[in-house]
Amino acid sequence: MKTLLASLSLLVALSAAPALAQTACQPGTYAAPDGDFVVLAKVPTIAAPGLRYLFRDGRRGATSDAAAPLVCGAGDVSVKGKAWKPIAFRETPASFDSVGTKMNGVLIEPPGVDAKRPLVVMVHGSERTSPIGGVYGYAMAAQGISVFVYDKRGTGGSEGEYTQNFELLAVDAARALDTARGMTAGRHGRAGFFGGSQGGWVAPLAATRTKADFVAIGFGLVASPIEEDREQMVSEVRAAGLGEDAEALVNRLSQATAGLLLSDFRTGYDALDAVRREMADKPWAAKIDGEYSGAIARMPNEELKRIGRARVDNLELIWDYDAVAALRKLDTPLLWVLAGEDREAPIETTRGALLGLAKEGKPVDVYLFPETDHGMFEFTTNADGSRDVTRITDGYLKLLGDWIKGRASGAYGRAEKLSPR
């Protein structure tokens, strides 16, 4: 799964907008008297003036945008003419060892001391960028939660090699929670994990490696990477209105490419060739991607035998990972938030699996935000079917905060709370 921050194209567009003279803008989190907040942060991956902003209701953009709904002052931020004051978080750098690798992190604590304050470790998606200094940790801390963020191994200030091996990443996350607990002894209550995207595979597994009081997941999958690839292709053919025959064909393609992956590209070429012959007279087949199957189908066998594994399978991904089995090991309260029109992580299998677990009596809360894509982003659709993200959907950040604090209730934007039948 691609990075949680993969949809920052909006900010690239914003960089071309007329800039306001907001030279006083300073990174930080600013709160209104009623508890609303906005996070201002640098975006090292975007060459745009100003800072990135994120409001609790999901509005996002750049302070350099002429239409930015805030004005930076000397030490505060003005929203609709009212001054919002900075929150004085306590930030403590940290390092810890995990499987012989030195990891880099930071603990963010709201002001004051509260022995019942929740503690959450933020578990990565597949991104290689550092979450330290980013908006999401502060958006959680602004809601009265202590937050530990750390660089995935092989990224940022953490040593080691970048990997997508769920087992190894789960050990890292478990070690991060143990470290955060030690740093906040006497200053925290319930403690657990939040994982976004690929973190939906890692965080529940981490909760089987150390004690966790909760696990919260945003737009993750209860399906294997192979199933993710298949569902993406099915979603593509449905979006194109191609019908059941096309769905059956991409299912066969997924089965064929899975055979290659599970054999380390040693066997499965006859099955792949058979599907290629079926696809040969289908004009739409050249536009099918999935997570990896489209690219594999378009590579010659000679190339696949030489470099297929190096190109597709070089990060130790567990292709047939049994996500349901991992969740069945948990008796920990679980929140799962689904994006209703998620193209990157289609929700059909995940939704069914979660509601099945809830029906079995597992403590699972499932919420769905309609008309949202991966990252819980609202979007506009272009004439060619592509999407431009606009904002994080209203209610998502507040739902996470309230649920982690153990008091989720009422409405959260357009979210629907799902129940097993």
Protein backbone atom coordinates (compact mmCIF):
# COMPACT_ATOMS: atom_id res chain seq x y z
CA MET A 1 0.00 0.00 0.00
CA LYS A 2 1.26 3.44 -0.83
CA THR A 3 2.03 6.12 1.66
CA LEU A 4 -0.54 7.91 3.74
CA LEU A 5 0.91 11.16 2.40
CA ALA A 6 0.74 10.06 -1.24
CA SER A 7 -2.14 12.44 -1.99
CA LEU A 8 -0.34 15.75 -1.49
CA SER A 9 -0.85 16.83 -5.11
CA LEU A 10 -3.29 19.42 -3.80
CA LEU A 11 -0.46 21.24 -2.08
CA VAL A 12 1.63 21.19 -5.23
CA ALA A 13 -1.19 23.00 -6.98
CA LEU A 14 -1.49 25.40 -4.08
CA SER A 15 2.15 26.37 -4.46
CA ALA A 16 1.24 28.20 -7.66
CA ALA A 17 -1.47 30.26 -5.96
CA PRO A 18 -0.87 33.92 -5.10
CA ALA A 19 0.93 34.09 -1.78
CA LEU A 20 -0.07 36.24 1.14
CA ALA A 21 2.60 37.94 3.18
CA GLN A 22 2.43 35.57 6.12
CA THR A 23 6.05 35.76 7.15
CA ALA A 24 5.09 35.40 10.82
CA CYS A 25 3.70 31.86 10.34
CA GLN A 26 5.42 29.49 12.73
CA PRO A 27 5.09 25.70 12.95
CA GLY A 28 2.93 24.68 15.88
CA THR A 29 -0.56 23.72 17.00
CA TYR A 30 -3.01 26.51 17.79
CA ALA A 31 -6.20 26.03 19.77
CA ALA A 32 -9.47 27.92 19.99
CA PRO A 33 -11.21 28.38 23.35
CA ASP A 34 -13.81 25.76 22.35
CA GLY A 35 -11.15 23.07 21.70
CA ASP A 36 -10.95 23.43 17.93
CA PHE A 37 -7.40 23.48 16.59
CA VAL A 38 -5.18 23.89 13.57
CA VAL A 39 -1.75 22.34 13.04
CA LEU A 40 0.89 24.21 11.03
CA ALA A 41 3.86 22.17 9.86
CA LYS A 42 6.66 22.25 7.35
CA VAL A 43 6.35 19.94 4.35
CA PRO A 44 9.87 18.94 3.29
CA THR A 45 8.57 17.02 0.25
CA ILE A 46 6.79 20.07 -1.20
CA ALA A 47 8.63 23.07 -2.61
CA ALA A 48 5.85 25.47 -1.62
CA PRO A 49 6.09 28.69 0.35
CA GLY A 50 4.56 28.84 3.79
CA LEU A 51 3.44 25.92 5.91
CA ARG A 52 0.96 23.13 5.58
CA TYR A 53 -2.18 23.51 7.71
CA LEU A 54 -4.69 20.95 8.99
CA PHE A 55 -7.84 21.82 10.95
CA ARG A 56 -9.64 19.36 13.22
CA ASP A 57 -12.49 19.22 10.72
CA GLY A 58 -10.10 18.06 7.98
CA ARG A 59 -9.62 21.26 5.99
CA ARG A 60 -6.07 21.34 4.70
CA GLY A 61 -3.83 23.37 2.45
CA ALA A 62 -0.94 25.81 2.57
CA THR A 63 -0.70 29.07 4.47
CA SER A 64 0.54 30.67 1.25
CA ASP A 65 -2.82 30.05 -0.43
CA ALA A 66 -4.73 33.26 -1.01
CA ALA A 67 -7.87 31.53 0.30
CA ALA A 68 -6.26 30.11 3.45
CA PRO A 69 -8.84 30.41 6.27
CA LEU A 70 -6.32 31.76 8.78
CA VAL A 71 -3.93 34.64 9.29
CA CYS A 72 -0.67 34.17 11.15
CA GLY A 73 0.26 36.72 13.75
CA ALA A 74 3.12 37.18 16.19
CA GLY A 75 2.73 34.10 18.35
CA ASP A 76 -0.84 33.22 17.45
CA VAL A 77 -3.17 32.45 14.55
CA SER A 78 -6.31 34.36 13.73
CA VAL A 79 -9.33 32.40 12.43
CA LYS A 80 -12.46 34.38 11.54
CA GLY A 81 -11.02 37.31 13.44
CA LYS A 82 -10.43 35.37 16.67
CA ALA A 83 -6.98 34.60 18.07
CA TRP A 84 -6.08 30.94 18.56
CA LYS A 85 -3.21 30.39 20.99
CA PRO A 86 -0.32 27.91 20.66
CA ILE A 87 -0.46 24.68 22.64
CA ALA A 88 2.73 24.21 24.66
CA PHE A 89 3.40 20.53 24.02
CA ARG A 90 6.30 18.84 25.76
CA GLU A 91 8.38 17.08 23.11
CA THR A 92 11.03 14.57 24.16
CA PRO A 93 13.40 13.00 21.63
CA ALA A 94 13.89 9.28 22.08
CA SER A 95 15.84 6.35 20.70
CA PHE A 96 15.31 2.66 21.25
CA ASP A 97 16.72 -0.63 20.06
CA SER A 98 14.68 -3.10 18.05
CA VAL A 99 16.18 -6.32 16.73
CA GLY A 100 19.67 -4.82 16.87
CA THR A 101 18.62 -1.62 15.11
CA LYS A 102 18.68 1.87 16.62
CA MET A 103 15.35 3.59 16.07
CA ASN A 104 14.58 7.29 16.28
CA GLY A 105 11.40 8.81 17.73
CA VAL A 106 9.82 11.62 19.69
CA LEU A 107 7.20 11.73 22.44
CA ILE A 108 4.62 14.52 22.24
CA GLU A 109 2.70 15.22 25.47
CA PRO A 110 -0.07 17.77 26.03
CA PRO A 111 0.45 20.33 28.80
CA GLY A 112 0.03 19.22 32.41
CA VAL A 113 0.13 15.80 34.01
CA ASP A 114 -2.76 13.34 33.82
CA ALA A 115 -2.35 9.76 34.99
CA LYS A 116 -5.36 8.78 32.87
CA ARG A 117 -4.23 10.41 29.64
CA PRO A 118 -4.22 7.93 26.72
CA LEU A 119 -0.94 7.09 25.03
CA VAL A 120 -0.80 6.12 21.36
CA VAL A 121 2.03 4.93 19.16
CA MET A 122 1.56 5.90 15.52
CA VAL A 123 2.40 3.00 13.20
CA HIS A 124 3.58 3.75 9.69
CA GLY A 125 2.01 3.15 6.37
CA SER A 126 4.39 2.23 3.59
CA GLU A 127 5.87 5.71 3.33
CA ARG A 128 9.59 6.40 3.51
CA THR A 129 9.11 9.92 4.86
CA SER A 130 9.53 10.77 8.54
CA PRO A 131 6.35 11.37 10.56
CA ILE A 132 8.30 13.43 13.07
CA GLY A 133 7.19 17.06 12.80
CA GLY A 134 4.20 16.11 10.63
CA VAL A 135 0.60 17.17 11.17
CA TYR A 136 -0.95 13.87 12.24
CA GLY A 137 0.89 13.39 15.52
CA TYR A 138 0.07 16.91 16.62
CA ALA A 139 -3.55 16.57 15.53
CA MET A 140 -3.81 13.62 17.91
CA ALA A 141 -1.95 15.39 20.74
CA ALA A 142 -4.19 18.45 20.36
CA GLN A 143 -7.07 16.23 21.49
CA GLY A 144 -5.45 15.44 24.84
CA ILE A 145 -3.51 12.31 23.88
CA SER A 146 0.17 11.59 24.41
CA VAL A 147 1.66 10.52 21.08
CA PHE A 148 4.84 8.63 20.24
CA VAL A 149 5.99 8.91 16.63
CA TYR A 150 9.06 7.22 15.25
CA ASP A 151 10.90 6.75 11.98
CA LYS A 152 10.39 3.41 10.29
CA ARG A 153 13.61 1.42 10.04
CA GLY A 154 15.72 2.61 7.16
CA THR A 155 13.98 6.02 7.05
CA GLY A 156 14.53 9.38 8.72
CA GLY A 157 16.82 9.05 11.72
CA SER A 158 16.33 5.30 12.18
CA GLU A 159 19.01 2.86 11.17
CA GLY A 160 18.56 -0.43 9.30
CA GLU A 161 17.13 -1.27 5.90
CA TYR A 162 13.69 -0.20 4.71
CA THR A 163 11.35 -3.17 4.61
CA GLN A 164 7.68 -4.04 4.37
CA ASN A 165 8.00 -7.25 6.35
CA PHE A 166 5.01 -7.09 8.68
CA GLU A 167 6.56 -9.34 11.31
CA LEU A 168 9.68 -7.19 11.66
CA LEU A 169 7.72 -3.93 11.55
CA ALA A 170 5.38 -5.26 14.24
CA VAL A 171 8.32 -5.95 16.55
CA ASP A 172 9.53 -2.39 15.95
CA ALA A 173 6.08 -0.99 16.81
CA ALA A 174 5.82 -3.14 19.93
CA ARG A 175 9.23 -1.92 21.06
CA ALA A 176 8.11 1.66 20.42
CA LEU A 177 5.10 1.18 22.71
CA ASP A 178 7.27 -0.35 25.43
CA THR A 179 9.61 2.64 25.15
CA ALA A 180 6.76 5.17 25.25
CA ARG A 181 5.25 3.49 28.31
CA GLY A 182 8.57 3.74 30.12
CA MET A 183 8.94 7.41 29.21
CA THR A 184 5.45 8.27 30.50
CA ALA A 185 5.36 6.17 33.66
CA GLY A 186 2.74 7.70 35.98
CA ARG A 187 1.54 10.03 33.20
CA HIS A 188 -0.66 7.80 31.08
CA GLY A 189 -3.70 5.55 31.23
CA ARG A 190 -4.72 3.24 28.38
CA ALA A 191 -2.00 2.73 25.78
CA GLY A 192 -2.11 1.29 22.30
CA PHE A 193 -1.58 1.75 18.58
CA PHE A 194 -2.92 3.76 15.68
CA GLY A 195 -2.05 2.51 12.19
CA GLY A 196 -2.93 4.02 8.84
CA SER A 197 -2.93 2.20 5.50
CA GLN A 198 -0.23 -0.52 5.69
CA GLY A 199 -0.25 0.11 9.43
CA GLY A 200 -3.54 -1.80 9.38
CA TRP A 201 -1.50 -4.95 8.86
CA VAL A 202 1.27 -4.02 11.29
CA ALA A 203 -0.51 -2.49 14.30
CA PRO A 204 -2.77 -5.48 15.13
CA LEU A 205 0.21 -7.80 14.79
CA ALA A 206 2.22 -5.53 17.11
CA ALA A 207 -0.58 -5.83 19.68
CA THR A 208 0.08 -9.58 19.77
CA ARG A 209 3.76 -8.87 20.57
CA THR A 210 3.22 -6.59 23.57
CA LYS A 211 0.36 -5.53 25.84
CA ALA A 212 -1.93 -3.03 24.16
CA ASP A 213 -5.18 -1.62 25.49
CA PHE A 214 -6.53 -0.67 22.07
CA VAL A 215 -5.79 -0.69 18.35
CA ALA A 216 -7.20 1.95 15.98
CA ILE A 217 -6.90 1.62 12.20
CA GLY A 218 -7.63 4.06 9.40
CA PHE A 219 -8.17 2.88 5.79
CA GLY A 220 -6.29 -0.40 6.27
CA LEU A 221 -7.05 -3.87 4.97
CA VAL A 222 -8.15 -7.14 6.48
CA ALA A 223 -6.95 -8.94 3.38
CA SER A 224 -3.62 -10.15 2.04
CA PRO A 225 -1.52 -8.10 -0.40
CA ILE A 226 -2.57 -10.61 -3.05
CA GLU A 227 -6.23 -9.94 -2.27
CA GLU A 228 -5.54 -6.21 -2.30
CA ASP A 229 -4.15 -6.46 -5.83
CA ARG A 230 -7.14 -8.50 -7.01
CA GLU A 231 -9.67 -6.10 -5.46
CA GLN A 232 -7.94 -3.09 -7.00
CA MET A 233 -8.26 -4.64 -10.45
CA VAL A 234 -11.90 -5.57 -9.86
CA SER A 235 -12.51 -1.99 -8.75
CA GLU A 236 -10.87 -0.71 -11.94
CA VAL A 237 -13.02 -2.83 -14.27
CA ARG A 238 -16.17 -1.93 -12.36
CA ALA A 239 -15.33 1.78 -12.57
CA ALA A 240 -14.95 1.33 -16.35
CA GLY A 241 -18.30 -0.49 -16.57
CA LEU A 242 -16.74 -3.59 -18.15
CA GLY A 243 -18.97 -6.28 -16.71
CA GLU A 244 -18.64 -9.74 -15.19
CA ASP A 245 -16.46 -11.25 -17.92
CA ALA A 246 -13.80 -8.62 -17.29
CA GLU A 247 -14.04 -9.21 -13.53
CA ALA A 248 -13.53 -12.94 -14.06
CA LEU A 249 -10.51 -12.28 -16.28
CA VAL A 250 -8.73 -10.01 -13.79
CA ASN A 251 -9.44 -12.55 -11.07
CA ARG A 252 -7.62 -15.13 -13.18
CA LEU A 253 -4.79 -12.67 -13.75
CA SER A 254 -4.45 -12.12 -10.00
CA GLN A 255 -4.35 -15.88 -9.43
CA ALA A 256 -1.62 -16.26 -12.06
CA THR A 257 0.58 -13.45 -10.74
CA ALA A 258 0.13 -14.77 -7.19
CA GLY A 259 1.60 -18.06 -8.37
CA LEU A 260 4.71 -16.25 -9.56
CA LEU A 261 5.10 -14.29 -6.34
CA LEU A 262 4.63 -17.28 -4.06
CA SER A 263 7.20 -19.29 -6.04
CA ASP A 264 9.78 -16.45 -6.03
CA PHE A 265 9.23 -16.14 -9.80
CA ARG A 266 10.41 -19.71 -10.41
CA THR A 267 7.12 -21.18 -11.64
CA GLY A 268 3.71 -20.08 -12.90
CA TYR A 269 4.58 -18.76 -16.35
CA ASP A 270 2.27 -21.15 -18.23
CA ALA A 271 -0.72 -19.92 -16.20
CA LEU A 272 0.28 -16.30 -16.78
CA ASP A 273 0.66 -16.89 -20.54
CA ALA A 274 -2.82 -18.42 -20.67
CA VAL A 275 -4.32 -15.29 -19.12
CA ARG A 276 -2.27 -13.07 -21.42
CA ARG A 277 -3.80 -14.86 -24.41
CA GLU A 278 -7.28 -14.16 -23.05
CA MET A 279 -6.38 -10.50 -22.53
CA ALA A 280 -4.77 -10.04 -25.96
CA ASP A 281 -7.92 -8.89 -27.75
CA LYS A 282 -9.21 -6.72 -24.88
CA PRO A 283 -8.35 -3.04 -25.48
CA TRP A 284 -9.01 -2.24 -21.84
CA ALA A 285 -6.46 -4.76 -20.56
CA ALA A 286 -3.53 -2.39 -21.19
CA LYS A 287 -5.01 0.06 -18.68
CA ILE A 288 -5.45 -2.42 -15.83
CA ASP A 289 -2.90 -1.96 -13.05
CA GLY A 290 -3.91 -3.38 -9.68
CA GLU A 291 -1.09 -3.13 -7.16
CA TYR A 292 1.33 -5.10 -9.32
CA SER A 293 -0.47 -7.55 -11.65
CA GLY A 294 -0.84 -5.15 -14.57
CA ALA A 295 2.89 -4.45 -14.58
CA ILE A 296 3.73 -8.16 -14.33
CA ALA A 297 1.39 -9.04 -17.21
CA ARG A 298 3.11 -6.47 -19.42
CA MET A 299 6.66 -7.70 -18.67
CA PRO A 300 8.10 -10.43 -20.95
CA ASN A 301 8.76 -13.77 -19.25
CA GLU A 302 12.48 -13.48 -19.89
CA GLU A 303 12.53 -10.18 -18.04
CA LEU A 304 10.38 -11.53 -15.21
CA LYS A 305 12.74 -14.46 -14.74
CA ARG A 306 15.75 -12.14 -14.61
CA ILE A 307 14.51 -9.16 -12.62
CA GLY A 308 10.86 -9.76 -11.66
CA ARG A 309 11.62 -10.54 -8.05
CA ALA A 310 14.05 -7.62 -7.74
CA ARG A 311 11.43 -5.24 -9.12
CA VAL A 312 8.27 -6.50 -7.47
CA ASP A 313 9.27 -8.61 -4.47
CA ASN A 314 12.33 -6.96 -2.95
CA LEU A 315 10.85 -5.70 0.33
CA GLU A 316 9.99 -8.98 2.10
CA LEU A 317 6.26 -8.42 1.85
CA ILE A 318 4.22 -11.37 3.15
CA TRP A 319 2.05 -11.78 0.06
CA ASP A 320 -0.44 -14.28 1.50
CA TYR A 321 -0.55 -12.72 4.98
CA ASP A 322 -3.56 -13.96 6.97
CA ALA A 323 -4.90 -10.73 8.47
CA VAL A 324 -8.03 -12.36 9.90
CA ALA A 325 -5.94 -14.88 11.84
CA ALA A 326 -3.96 -12.04 13.43
CA LEU A 327 -7.16 -10.24 14.47
CA ARG A 328 -8.62 -13.42 15.94
CA LYS A 329 -5.69 -13.53 18.36
CA LEU A 330 -6.73 -10.15 19.77
CA ASP A 331 -9.21 -9.49 22.52
CA THR A 332 -8.11 -5.86 22.48
CA PRO A 333 -10.75 -3.24 21.56
CA LEU A 334 -10.37 -2.46 17.87
CA LEU A 335 -11.51 0.56 15.84
CA TRP A 336 -11.50 0.27 12.07
CA VAL A 337 -12.38 3.25 9.87
CA LEU A 338 -13.14 2.57 6.20
CA ALA A 339 -13.01 4.96 3.23
CA GLY A 340 -16.19 4.20 1.30
CA GLU A 341 -14.67 4.60 -2.20
CA ASP A 342 -11.10 3.53 -1.50
CA ARG A 343 -9.42 2.74 -4.82
CA GLU A 344 -6.08 1.84 -3.28
CA ALA A 345 -7.45 -0.43 -0.56
CA PRO A 346 -10.93 -1.55 -1.72
CA ILE A 347 -13.08 -2.32 1.29
CA GLU A 348 -15.35 -5.20 0.23
CA THR A 349 -13.34 -8.08 1.76
CA THR A 350 -12.23 -5.98 4.73
CA ARG A 351 -15.74 -4.87 5.59
CA GLY A 352 -17.05 -8.44 5.50
CA ALA A 353 -14.17 -9.74 7.62
CA LEU A 354 -14.57 -7.05 10.28
CA LEU A 355 -18.32 -7.49 10.59
CA GLY A 356 -17.78 -11.24 10.75
CA LEU A 357 -15.39 -10.77 13.68
CA ALA A 358 -17.88 -8.45 15.38
CA LYS A 359 -20.59 -11.08 14.93
CA GLU A 360 -18.30 -13.60 16.62
CA GLY A 361 -18.16 -11.31 19.64
CA LYS A 362 -14.83 -9.60 19.06
CA PRO A 363 -14.73 -6.00 20.40
CA VAL A 364 -14.67 -4.34 16.97
CA ASP A 365 -16.10 -0.91 16.13
CA VAL A 366 -16.40 -0.29 12.38
CA TYR A 367 -17.10 3.14 10.88
CA LEU A 368 -17.43 4.00 7.20
CA PHE A 369 -17.08 7.48 5.72
CA PRO A 370 -18.92 7.60 2.37
CA GLU A 371 -17.50 9.27 -0.73
CA THR A 372 -13.93 9.16 0.55
CA ASP A 373 -10.77 7.69 -0.94
CA HIS A 374 -7.59 6.31 0.63
CA GLY A 375 -6.38 8.56 3.43
CA MET A 376 -10.01 9.43 4.26
CA PHE A 377 -9.79 12.11 1.57
CA GLU A 378 -12.80 13.68 -0.05
CA PHE A 379 -12.27 14.26 -3.76
CA THR A 380 -13.53 15.62 -7.03
CA THR A 381 -13.66 13.39 -10.12
CA ASN A 382 -12.23 14.53 -13.44
CA ALA A 383 -13.65 13.73 -16.88
CA ASP A 384 -11.12 10.91 -17.32
CA GLY A 385 -12.15 9.31 -14.03
CA SER A 386 -9.08 10.44 -12.10
CA ARG A 387 -9.55 12.07 -8.72
CA ASP A 388 -8.22 15.23 -7.09
CA VAL A 389 -8.22 15.18 -3.29
CA THR A 390 -9.65 18.20 -1.49
CA ARG A 391 -9.68 17.59 2.27
CA ILE A 392 -9.78 14.96 4.98
CA THR A 393 -13.41 14.23 5.61
CA ASP A 394 -15.00 16.05 8.53
CA GLY A 395 -15.32 13.92 11.67
CA TYR A 396 -12.47 11.50 10.99
CA LEU A 397 -9.83 13.11 13.21
CA LYS A 398 -12.34 13.72 16.01
CA LEU A 399 -13.55 10.11 15.83
CA LEU A 400 -10.00 8.84 16.26
CA GLY A 401 -9.39 11.13 19.21
CA ASP A 402 -12.65 10.36 20.98
CA TRP A 403 -12.39 6.60 20.45
CA ILE A 404 -8.81 6.45 21.72
CA LYS A 405 -9.96 8.39 24.80
CA GLY A 406 -12.72 5.79 25.25
CA ARG A 407 -15.66 8.11 24.72
CA ALA A 408 -16.75 7.89 21.10
CA SER A 409 -20.45 8.69 20.73
CA GLY A 410 -22.82 10.60 18.54
CA ALA A 411 -22.24 11.77 14.99
CA TYR A 412 -18.85 12.17 13.29
CA GLY A 413 -19.44 14.05 10.08
CA ARG A 414 -21.10 11.69 7.60
CA ALA A 415 -19.69 8.54 9.20
CA GLU A 416 -21.86 5.44 9.40
CA LYS A 417 -21.29 3.03 12.27
CA LEU A 418 -21.64 -0.46 10.83
CA SER A 419 -23.11 -3.43 12.67
CA PRO A 420 -23.21 -7.15 11.77
CA ARG A 421 -26.58 -8.43 10.63
